[in-house]
Structures are given as C-alpha cells and as structure tokens.
Protein backbone atom coordinates (compact mmCIF):
# COMPACT_ATOMS: atom_id res chain seq x y z
CA MET A 1 -98.05 -55.06 44.79
CA GLU A 2 -95.22 -56.53 43.01
CA LEU A 3 -97.40 -56.35 39.60
CA SER A 4 -97.54 -52.70 40.39
CA GLN A 5 -93.99 -52.20 41.19
CA SER A 6 -93.13 -53.95 37.71
CA VAL A 7 -95.39 -51.67 35.83
CA THR A 8 -93.54 -49.18 37.96
CA ARG A 9 -90.58 -50.12 37.00
CA LYS A 10 -91.36 -50.62 33.05
CA GLN A 11 -92.72 -47.61 32.42
CA ALA A 12 -89.69 -45.33 34.35
CA VAL A 13 -87.49 -47.35 31.39
CA LYS A 14 -89.66 -46.26 28.95
CA GLU A 15 -89.90 -42.66 29.72
CA PRO A 16 -86.60 -40.51 28.59
CA PHE A 17 -85.96 -39.43 31.78
CA PRO A 18 -88.59 -40.18 34.23
CA ILE A 19 -89.74 -37.36 36.94
CA SER A 20 -88.57 -39.74 39.49
CA ILE A 21 -85.27 -38.95 38.85
CA LEU A 22 -86.33 -34.77 39.63
CA SER A 23 -86.76 -36.35 43.44
CA LEU A 24 -82.70 -37.07 43.28
CA THR A 25 -82.12 -33.93 42.02
CA VAL A 26 -83.71 -32.11 44.74
CA GLY A 27 -81.54 -34.20 47.05
CA ALA A 28 -78.40 -33.46 45.05
CA PHE A 29 -79.36 -29.67 45.26
CA ALA A 30 -79.34 -29.76 49.31
CA ILE A 31 -76.40 -31.84 49.35
CA GLY A 32 -74.89 -29.30 47.62
CA MET A 33 -76.18 -26.37 49.48
CA THR A 34 -75.05 -27.70 52.93
CA GLU A 35 -71.33 -28.58 51.32
CA PHE A 36 -70.82 -25.00 49.91
CA VAL A 37 -72.94 -22.82 51.99
CA ILE A 38 -70.31 -22.92 54.99
CA MET A 39 -67.77 -20.99 52.81
CA GLY A 40 -70.08 -18.23 52.96
CA LEU A 41 -70.64 -18.23 56.93
CA LEU A 42 -67.47 -18.88 58.09
CA PRO A 43 -66.59 -15.44 60.31
CA ASN A 44 -70.40 -15.42 61.32
CA VAL A 45 -69.53 -18.96 62.43
CA ALA A 46 -66.49 -18.04 64.07
CA GLU A 47 -67.82 -15.18 66.06
CA ASP A 48 -70.66 -17.13 67.47
CA LEU A 49 -68.29 -20.12 68.68
CA HIS A 50 -65.86 -18.61 69.59
CA VAL A 51 -63.09 -19.83 67.53
CA SER A 52 -60.35 -18.09 64.96
CA ILE A 53 -61.59 -18.28 61.20
CA SER A 54 -58.51 -20.97 60.52
CA SER A 55 -60.26 -23.50 62.80
CA ALA A 56 -64.06 -22.53 61.40
CA GLY A 57 -62.27 -23.23 58.21
CA GLN A 58 -61.41 -26.91 58.99
CA LEU A 59 -65.38 -27.81 58.99
CA ILE A 60 -64.67 -27.57 55.08
CA THR A 61 -61.72 -29.74 55.41
CA MET A 62 -62.76 -32.67 57.85
CA TYR A 63 -66.05 -32.42 55.14
CA ALA A 64 -64.09 -33.40 52.28
CA LEU A 65 -62.45 -35.79 54.24
CA GLY A 66 -65.33 -37.40 55.38
CA VAL A 67 -66.52 -37.75 51.70
CA ALA A 68 -63.28 -39.04 50.36
CA ILE A 69 -62.50 -41.69 53.11
CA GLY A 70 -65.73 -42.03 54.87
CA ALA A 71 -68.39 -42.52 52.30
CA PRO A 72 -66.66 -45.91 50.39
CA ILE A 73 -66.48 -47.32 53.67
CA LEU A 74 -70.59 -46.58 54.50
CA THR A 75 -71.15 -47.65 51.10
CA VAL A 76 -69.21 -51.46 51.45
CA LEU A 77 -71.25 -51.48 55.28
CA THR A 78 -74.66 -51.02 53.58
CA HIS A 79 -74.38 -53.27 50.62
CA ARG A 80 -76.96 -55.16 51.71
CA ILE A 81 -79.44 -52.82 52.26
CA PRO A 82 -82.09 -52.61 49.10
CA GLN A 83 -81.31 -49.50 47.08
CA LYS A 84 -84.49 -47.15 47.55
CA LYS A 85 -84.04 -47.78 51.65
CA LEU A 86 -80.54 -46.75 51.30
CA LEU A 87 -81.28 -43.61 49.66
CA LEU A 88 -84.04 -43.28 52.96
CA LEU A 89 -81.76 -43.74 55.55
CA LEU A 90 -78.90 -41.46 53.85
CA MET A 91 -81.51 -38.50 53.78
CA VAL A 92 -82.57 -38.95 57.38
CA LEU A 93 -78.90 -39.16 58.14
CA PHE A 94 -78.25 -35.86 56.40
CA ILE A 95 -81.52 -34.10 58.18
CA ILE A 96 -80.25 -35.15 61.23
CA GLY A 97 -76.72 -34.18 61.02
CA ASN A 98 -77.82 -30.67 59.73
CA GLY A 99 -80.64 -30.29 62.41
CA ILE A 100 -78.03 -30.60 64.80
CA SER A 101 -76.06 -27.86 63.13
CA VAL A 102 -78.79 -25.79 63.89
CA ILE A 103 -78.84 -26.46 68.01
CA ALA A 104 -75.14 -27.30 67.91
CA PRO A 105 -74.05 -25.72 71.30
CA ASN A 106 -70.06 -25.56 70.69
CA TYR A 107 -67.58 -26.42 67.77
CA ALA A 108 -66.92 -29.72 68.70
CA VAL A 109 -70.77 -30.55 68.06
CA LEU A 110 -70.63 -28.65 65.05
CA MET A 111 -67.66 -30.95 63.44
CA GLY A 112 -69.42 -34.26 64.73
CA ALA A 113 -72.92 -32.75 62.33
CA ARG A 114 -70.23 -31.90 59.17
CA ILE A 115 -68.56 -35.23 59.75
CA ILE A 116 -72.53 -37.07 59.71
CA THR A 117 -73.59 -35.40 56.55
CA ALA A 118 -70.22 -35.53 54.89
CA LEU A 119 -70.71 -39.42 55.03
CA THR A 120 -74.51 -39.41 53.32
CA HIS A 121 -72.82 -36.89 50.32
CA GLY A 122 -70.89 -40.00 48.39
CA THR A 123 -72.63 -42.77 49.47
CA PHE A 124 -75.98 -40.41 47.93
CA PHE A 125 -74.61 -39.45 44.96
CA GLY A 126 -72.97 -43.12 44.67
CA VAL A 127 -76.66 -45.03 44.86
CA GLY A 128 -77.97 -42.16 43.38
CA ALA A 129 -76.25 -42.55 40.04
CA VAL A 130 -76.98 -46.19 40.26
CA ILE A 131 -80.96 -46.04 40.45
CA ALA A 132 -80.64 -42.73 37.81
CA SER A 133 -78.93 -45.11 35.14
CA SER A 134 -81.27 -47.68 36.11
CA LEU A 135 -84.56 -45.99 35.87
CA VAL A 136 -83.88 -44.94 31.67
CA ARG A 137 -82.85 -47.29 28.57
CA PRO A 138 -79.24 -47.80 28.44
CA ASP A 139 -78.43 -45.22 25.63
CA LYS A 140 -79.80 -42.76 28.14
CA ARG A 141 -77.93 -43.01 31.46
CA ALA A 142 -75.58 -40.83 31.20
CA GLY A 143 -78.04 -38.10 30.74
CA ALA A 144 -79.99 -39.51 33.53
CA VAL A 145 -76.97 -39.13 36.11
CA SER A 146 -76.39 -35.63 34.85
CA ILE A 147 -79.92 -34.50 35.40
CA MET A 148 -79.18 -35.88 39.38
CA MET A 149 -75.79 -34.10 39.49
CA ALA A 150 -77.75 -30.48 37.99
CA GLY A 151 -78.97 -30.54 41.81
CA LEU A 152 -75.46 -29.97 42.75
CA THR A 153 -74.81 -27.45 40.34
CA ILE A 154 -77.69 -25.39 40.46
CA ALA A 155 -77.09 -25.59 44.50
CA ASN A 156 -73.76 -23.15 43.75
CA ILE A 157 -76.19 -20.91 41.57
CA ILE A 158 -79.46 -20.67 43.68
CA GLY A 159 -78.83 -22.38 46.87
CA VAL A 160 -75.51 -21.08 48.43
CA PRO A 161 -76.42 -17.26 47.66
CA LEU A 162 -79.89 -17.84 49.31
CA GLY A 163 -78.13 -19.83 52.47
CA THR A 164 -75.55 -17.27 52.55
CA PHE A 165 -78.34 -14.58 52.74
CA ILE A 166 -80.12 -16.56 54.67
CA GLY A 167 -77.84 -17.13 57.33
CA GLN A 168 -75.94 -13.42 57.18
CA ASN A 169 -79.63 -12.13 57.83
CA MET A 170 -81.04 -14.47 60.49
CA GLY A 171 -78.21 -16.12 61.69
CA TRP A 172 -75.98 -18.93 60.56
CA ARG A 173 -77.88 -21.81 62.04
CA SER A 174 -80.92 -20.68 59.90
CA SER A 175 -78.92 -21.46 56.59
CA PHE A 176 -78.55 -25.63 58.29
CA GLY A 177 -82.76 -25.17 59.13
CA ALA A 178 -83.15 -24.44 55.33
CA ILE A 179 -81.20 -27.10 54.13
CA ALA A 180 -82.76 -29.84 56.77
CA ILE A 181 -85.92 -28.40 55.27
CA MET A 182 -84.91 -28.92 51.53
CA GLY A 183 -84.18 -32.71 52.90
CA VAL A 184 -87.37 -33.31 54.03
CA ILE A 185 -88.35 -32.29 50.66
CA ALA A 186 -86.27 -34.43 48.95
CA LEU A 187 -86.97 -37.70 51.39
CA VAL A 188 -90.89 -37.22 50.60
CA GLY A 189 -89.70 -37.21 47.00
CA ILE A 190 -87.99 -40.41 47.09
CA VAL A 191 -91.23 -42.02 49.11
CA ILE A 192 -93.24 -41.46 46.46
CA PHE A 193 -91.55 -40.87 43.56
CA ILE A 194 -88.29 -43.67 43.37
CA PRO A 195 -89.99 -47.20 42.54
CA LYS A 196 -88.75 -50.10 44.39
CA LEU A 197 -86.00 -51.62 42.16
CA ARG A 198 -85.29 -55.14 41.85
CA GLN A 199 -81.57 -56.12 42.76
CA GLU A 200 -79.27 -58.83 42.30
CA LYS A 201 -78.56 -60.62 45.01
CA PRO A 202 -75.54 -58.19 46.61
CA ALA A 203 -71.86 -58.92 45.70
CA SER A 204 -69.93 -59.60 49.22
CA ILE A 205 -67.73 -56.94 50.53
CA VAL A 206 -64.52 -59.10 49.27
CA GLN A 207 -66.14 -58.95 45.81
CA GLN A 208 -67.19 -55.39 45.79
CA ILE A 209 -63.54 -54.27 47.16
CA SER A 210 -62.00 -56.82 44.25
CA ALA A 211 -64.04 -55.26 41.87
CA LEU A 212 -63.10 -51.70 42.60
CA ILE A 213 -59.05 -52.58 43.08
CA LYS A 214 -59.39 -53.08 39.01
CA PRO A 215 -55.99 -51.51 37.69
CA LYS A 216 -58.22 -49.95 34.84
CA LEU A 217 -61.03 -48.77 37.24
CA LEU A 218 -57.98 -47.49 39.22
CA LEU A 219 -56.69 -45.38 36.73
CA TYR A 220 -59.50 -43.84 35.65
CA LEU A 221 -60.37 -42.64 39.35
CA LEU A 222 -57.09 -40.95 38.82
CA ILE A 223 -58.03 -39.60 35.91
CA GLY A 224 -60.86 -38.24 37.72
CA ALA A 225 -58.78 -36.74 40.22
CA LEU A 226 -56.09 -35.33 37.90
CA GLY A 227 -59.23 -33.73 35.90
CA ASN A 228 -60.71 -31.96 39.29
CA ALA A 229 -57.02 -31.01 40.62
CA GLY A 230 -56.93 -28.86 37.67
CA LEU A 231 -60.18 -27.13 38.11
CA PHE A 232 -59.72 -26.94 41.80
CA ALA A 233 -55.72 -25.44 41.40
CA VAL A 234 -57.49 -22.27 39.45
CA PHE A 235 -61.37 -22.44 40.85
CA THR A 236 -60.19 -22.01 44.59
CA TYR A 237 -58.47 -18.31 43.62
CA ILE A 238 -60.92 -17.39 41.31
CA THR A 239 -61.51 -14.44 43.47
CA PRO A 240 -57.82 -13.12 43.77
CA LEU A 241 -57.00 -13.92 40.49
CA LEU A 242 -60.21 -12.03 38.91
CA VAL A 243 -59.68 -9.27 41.52
CA GLN A 244 -55.66 -8.74 41.43
CA VAL A 245 -55.07 -9.62 37.18
CA ALA A 246 -58.43 -8.78 35.93
CA GLY A 247 -58.94 -6.25 37.61
CA PHE A 248 -62.73 -6.48 39.05
CA ALA A 249 -63.94 -4.97 41.66
CA GLU A 250 -64.16 -7.44 44.81
CA HIS A 251 -67.79 -7.11 44.76
CA ASN A 252 -68.21 -8.02 41.01
CA VAL A 253 -66.90 -11.46 41.51
CA THR A 254 -70.42 -12.89 42.73
CA TRP A 255 -72.12 -12.37 39.49
CA ILE A 256 -68.95 -13.96 37.64
CA LEU A 257 -69.38 -16.88 39.65
CA VAL A 258 -72.96 -16.87 39.29
CA LEU A 259 -72.40 -17.21 35.48
CA PHE A 260 -69.40 -19.57 36.14
CA GLY A 261 -73.09 -21.83 38.07
CA ILE A 262 -74.63 -21.23 35.05
CA GLY A 263 -72.03 -22.46 32.69
CA VAL A 264 -71.77 -25.39 35.03
CA THR A 265 -75.19 -26.53 34.75
CA ILE A 266 -75.30 -26.29 31.06
CA GLY A 267 -72.37 -28.36 30.52
CA ASN A 268 -73.81 -30.75 32.98
CA ILE A 269 -76.76 -31.71 30.57
CA VAL A 270 -75.11 -30.83 27.53
CA GLY A 271 -72.04 -33.46 28.70
CA GLY A 272 -74.49 -36.22 29.77
CA LYS A 273 -76.06 -36.03 26.05
CA LEU A 274 -72.74 -36.11 24.44
CA ALA A 275 -71.56 -39.01 26.45
CA ASP A 276 -74.77 -40.93 25.73
CA TRP A 277 -73.62 -40.03 22.05
CA LYS A 278 -70.00 -41.03 22.65
CA LEU A 279 -68.33 -41.96 25.71
CA MET A 280 -64.93 -42.11 25.62
CA PRO A 281 -64.21 -39.81 22.78
CA SER A 282 -66.38 -37.03 24.07
CA VAL A 283 -65.10 -37.46 27.94
CA LEU A 284 -61.44 -37.21 25.95
CA GLY A 285 -62.58 -34.07 23.52
CA LEU A 286 -63.58 -32.26 26.19
CA TYR A 287 -60.67 -32.85 28.65
CA PHE A 288 -59.02 -31.56 25.47
CA THR A 289 -61.31 -28.62 25.52
CA ILE A 290 -60.30 -27.75 29.13
CA CYS A 291 -56.95 -27.72 28.61
CA VAL A 292 -57.31 -25.13 25.72
CA LEU A 293 -59.41 -23.20 27.49
CA LEU A 294 -57.19 -22.71 30.51
CA THR A 295 -54.24 -22.25 28.12
CA LEU A 296 -56.20 -19.13 26.90
CA PHE A 297 -57.41 -18.02 30.40
CA THR A 298 -53.30 -17.10 30.64
CA PHE A 299 -54.11 -14.76 28.46
CA THR A 300 -57.60 -13.87 28.62
CA ILE A 301 -57.42 -13.33 32.00
CA HIS A 302 -55.57 -9.79 31.60
CA ASN A 303 -58.95 -8.55 30.03
CA PRO A 304 -62.40 -8.16 32.20
CA ILE A 305 -64.53 -9.05 29.06
CA THR A 306 -62.49 -12.07 27.45
CA ALA A 307 -61.79 -13.13 31.53
CA VAL A 308 -65.30 -13.81 31.75
CA ILE A 309 -66.37 -15.50 28.57
CA THR A 310 -63.44 -18.05 29.48
CA VAL A 311 -64.72 -18.20 32.78
CA PHE A 312 -68.52 -19.12 31.34
CA LEU A 313 -66.75 -21.56 28.88
CA TRP A 314 -64.53 -23.32 31.28
CA GLY A 315 -67.47 -23.63 33.66
CA ALA A 316 -69.30 -25.63 31.11
CA ALA A 317 -66.47 -28.35 29.77
CA ALA A 318 -65.08 -28.67 33.49
CA PHE A 319 -68.91 -30.26 34.69
CA ALA A 320 -69.30 -31.76 31.31
CA VAL A 321 -67.21 -34.48 31.76
CA PHE A 322 -68.29 -35.67 34.68
CA PRO A 323 -71.16 -37.33 33.48
CA GLY A 324 -69.60 -39.79 31.38
CA LEU A 325 -66.96 -40.14 33.39
CA GLN A 326 -68.86 -41.31 36.50
CA VAL A 327 -70.80 -44.11 33.75
CA ARG A 328 -67.63 -45.32 32.76
CA VAL A 329 -66.40 -45.90 36.01
CA MET A 330 -69.86 -47.71 36.66
CA SER A 331 -69.66 -49.66 33.90
CA LEU A 332 -66.19 -51.29 35.10
CA ALA A 333 -67.02 -52.13 38.13
CA GLN A 334 -70.38 -54.24 37.27
CA ALA A 335 -70.18 -55.84 40.73
CA ALA A 336 -70.04 -52.92 42.74
CA PRO A 337 -71.49 -49.94 40.66
CA ALA A 338 -72.55 -47.83 43.74
CA LEU A 339 -69.50 -48.55 45.15
CA ALA A 340 -67.69 -47.52 42.47
CA SER A 341 -69.55 -44.17 41.73
CA THR A 342 -69.02 -43.36 45.54
CA SER A 343 -65.37 -44.10 44.84
CA SER A 344 -65.47 -41.49 42.03
CA HIS A 345 -66.59 -38.60 44.28
CA SER A 346 -64.10 -39.85 46.62
CA ALA A 347 -61.26 -39.31 44.32
CA GLY A 348 -62.41 -36.13 43.07
CA ASN A 349 -62.44 -34.62 46.62
CA LEU A 350 -58.81 -35.79 46.66
CA GLY A 351 -58.31 -34.22 43.37
CA ASN A 352 -60.24 -30.85 44.87
CA ALA A 353 -57.84 -30.77 48.13
CA ALA A 354 -54.72 -31.46 45.86
CA GLY A 355 -55.48 -28.76 43.24
CA ALA A 356 -55.95 -26.54 46.22
CA PHE A 357 -52.64 -26.85 47.38
CA ILE A 358 -50.88 -27.18 44.27
CA GLY A 359 -52.43 -23.82 43.76
CA GLY A 360 -51.57 -22.22 46.85
CA TRP A 361 -48.06 -23.64 46.24
CA VAL A 362 -47.83 -22.14 42.77
CA ILE A 363 -48.92 -18.60 44.12
CA THR A 364 -45.83 -18.75 46.76
CA HIS A 365 -43.59 -19.99 44.54
CA LEU A 366 -44.43 -18.59 41.09
CA SER A 367 -46.85 -16.18 40.58
CA ILE A 368 -50.71 -16.32 40.74
CA ASN A 369 -50.60 -15.39 37.07
CA ALA A 370 -49.43 -19.12 36.45
CA LEU A 371 -52.63 -20.95 37.92
CA PRO A 372 -54.22 -21.42 34.35
CA TRP A 373 -51.44 -23.09 32.53
CA VAL A 374 -50.71 -25.48 35.61
CA GLY A 375 -54.07 -26.59 35.76
CA ALA A 376 -53.94 -26.89 32.25
CA LEU A 377 -50.75 -29.42 32.93
CA LEU A 378 -52.87 -31.21 35.54
CA VAL A 379 -55.94 -31.50 32.98
CA GLY A 380 -53.14 -32.56 30.31
CA ALA A 381 -52.02 -35.47 32.31
CA ALA A 382 -55.68 -36.73 33.00
CA LEU A 383 -56.08 -36.37 29.26
CA LEU A 384 -52.94 -38.44 28.16
CA LEU A 385 -54.13 -41.00 30.57
CA GLY A 386 -57.49 -41.58 29.14
CA LEU A 387 -56.29 -41.33 25.43
CA ALA A 388 -53.70 -44.07 26.76
CA CYS A 389 -56.39 -46.01 28.25
CA TYR A 390 -58.73 -45.82 25.29
CA MET A 391 -56.16 -46.83 22.91
CA THR A 392 -55.67 -49.50 25.00
CA GLU A 393 -59.10 -50.70 24.98
CA ARG A 394 -59.46 -50.25 21.38
CA ARG A 395 -56.71 -52.42 20.73
CA GLN A 396 -58.51 -55.32 22.85
CA PRO A 397 -62.31 -54.93 21.89
CA ALA A 398 -62.98 -58.39 23.41
CA ALA A 399 -61.68 -57.53 26.94
C-alpha cells in the first residue's frame, strides 16, 4: 500500500498539473457559491424567515467574520490531522452546514449553519493550497494554487448566477441544496484523486503561532489586506458606479459583472504563471498595474465603453496578484504553511470588510466618483509596503 502511495506521489509530482488538483477546484467552486449566492437571495430569505433585509444582511457579515476569525483557530486546533483526512472532514462539515441551511426553520438556525460553513472556508483554502503546491514541482507551485483558486472565480461567473436563478425560481433553500450536492461531488473527488501525502512531524501550536507572528509575514498579511481593501472599496459599490456615473441601465450590470468574472478567472491563471516565473517582481508589477487602472477608472467611468474595458482589465489584474502572494506567505511560515495560508484568507476578508466600510465613508463624505482613486491609494499603500519588503530582502540575501 505504501509503495503504491509513493508511486502515486511521484507521478503527481512529475505531472505539471495533476488531475487531483481539479477536485480541489470543485471544492473551491462550491465554497464560492455558498459565500456569494446569499447576496442575490436576501429578499427571498428575509421574506421567508420574517426578518428585515438588514437582518438578513448580517448572514453575510457573520460569514465573513467566521472566515476571518474562526478559520485560523480551526486550523491550529486540527494541525495534527493528516491533510487529506482534514480536507475530507472539512467537506463533510461544509455539506452538513449547507444541509442545515436547506431545512433551517428560523433565522437563528440559518445563522448557525452559515457560521459552520464559514469555518470550513478559510481552512479548506489554507490546507488545499498546501496540498496543491505539494503535488507539483517547486517551480509550478503558484500555478497549482491558481488552478485551485480558479474554482472560486468560476463560481462567480457560473455558480452564483445559476444558484441565484435556482433560488428565485425554486425557493432559496434549493440553492443551498444544489451547493450541498456540489460539496458531495468535491468530497468524492478528494477521496478518489487526492493521494495520501507523507507529512513531516506536525509543529506544535506554539511553534505554529511563533511562525505566524514573524514581523515579515505579518507585513505580507497587511499587504494582502490593503490590496483587498482597495479592491472592495470600489467593487462593493460597482453597481451604483456603473448606473449613476457610467449611465448603464441596472439590468445591464449583470453582464458587466460576468465580464469582470471572466477577467478575474483569466487573471488568476496568468498570475499563477507570472508568480512561478518571477514571484515578487510579478506581485509588485501587478499592484502597480492595479493602481494605474483604478486611477484611470476615475476618468474612464464616465464613458460606457471605456468603463467596461477598465472593469475587465481591473478584474484580471486584481485577482492575478493572489496566487503569488499566497505562495509568498506560505514560504515565510515553513513550520505552519497551512496556518499561514489560512491567515492570508482571513487577512483578505478583513480587507474586504475594511474596503466596504471605507467605500461607504467616501460616498457619504466625498462622492461616489472618488471611489476609484481612493481604491488606488489603498492599493498604492500595499505596493509601497511590498516594495519596501522586497528591497530589504534583496539587501539581506542570506536571510
């Protein structure tokens, strides 16, 4: 048995991108659906459970907090469980959480179900990124991570619109039923295709936390959070921007967001390849590109054609940076790569929340037209911090 597992491992490493990574992509797709589909179903959920729209909106807030706070804690508590077994447990928990959502009799039970699924989110991507990068050659790690992450971006193009359509026509509970089925498919794929990987002796909780709180690693987590804040300061309010400033009819926003999602998916794959080629130069170059695009968006938003082109390019650049940043964070915490990867998602979610808050403040105190350049300033802060870290590392090659 051990010999066959060893052979499987060797074969996986020799292949540029083994099929086993696609089972992680399916899991990422299901998680992306459960995170975002609720946004299009809020009125249906609120009406069915007899709560206000604002109360239903807390289902989104608590999910984000569950990812940001709960996921690193769960990763630490489960650090001794073998990676494949942990991935299976997470998918079982994900299926249970969505199953409870299907039958939730009231708002409180649905909230509990959302928190359960949120706990699996960050830990799945953290452990999945470690597994994906271990299945390929070292020079293909970022590309492998980007293929897994592609499930999340494809979910926004296909999964969320499909889930919203199902929920609006068959009841919102049907959407979560469909997501649970996707979870079962991912679970079967993990059982069949993910090899049993040999693990080093797991680091203790103290060693993991010590690895995580290194100043340099925390700086990279802050860089990721600032980058996400710049993204969500604008993207959270993309509909009013396109309608009020660019002059699009509201029903046209959907296809523009689909185009944005296509850009996101392309950027995610290309970003992985760029990071495998030159990791930090590509990350810094992409942050610079995002700054330029958001600055241009301040002007191109006033014309429908240039606005759409900018949205597409911005989506591609904004998500191209993630695979490289993820691999960089993992490499800085060699004793706890899964915890570092999970914490990267937590920092990103905190950046999402901060960006949405900053964007709201900008609309209230400045104007909606100011959103793109404020987003550019936030990404610019990430770029300057990243550049400072990179220049410091270049001066200290031994470290």
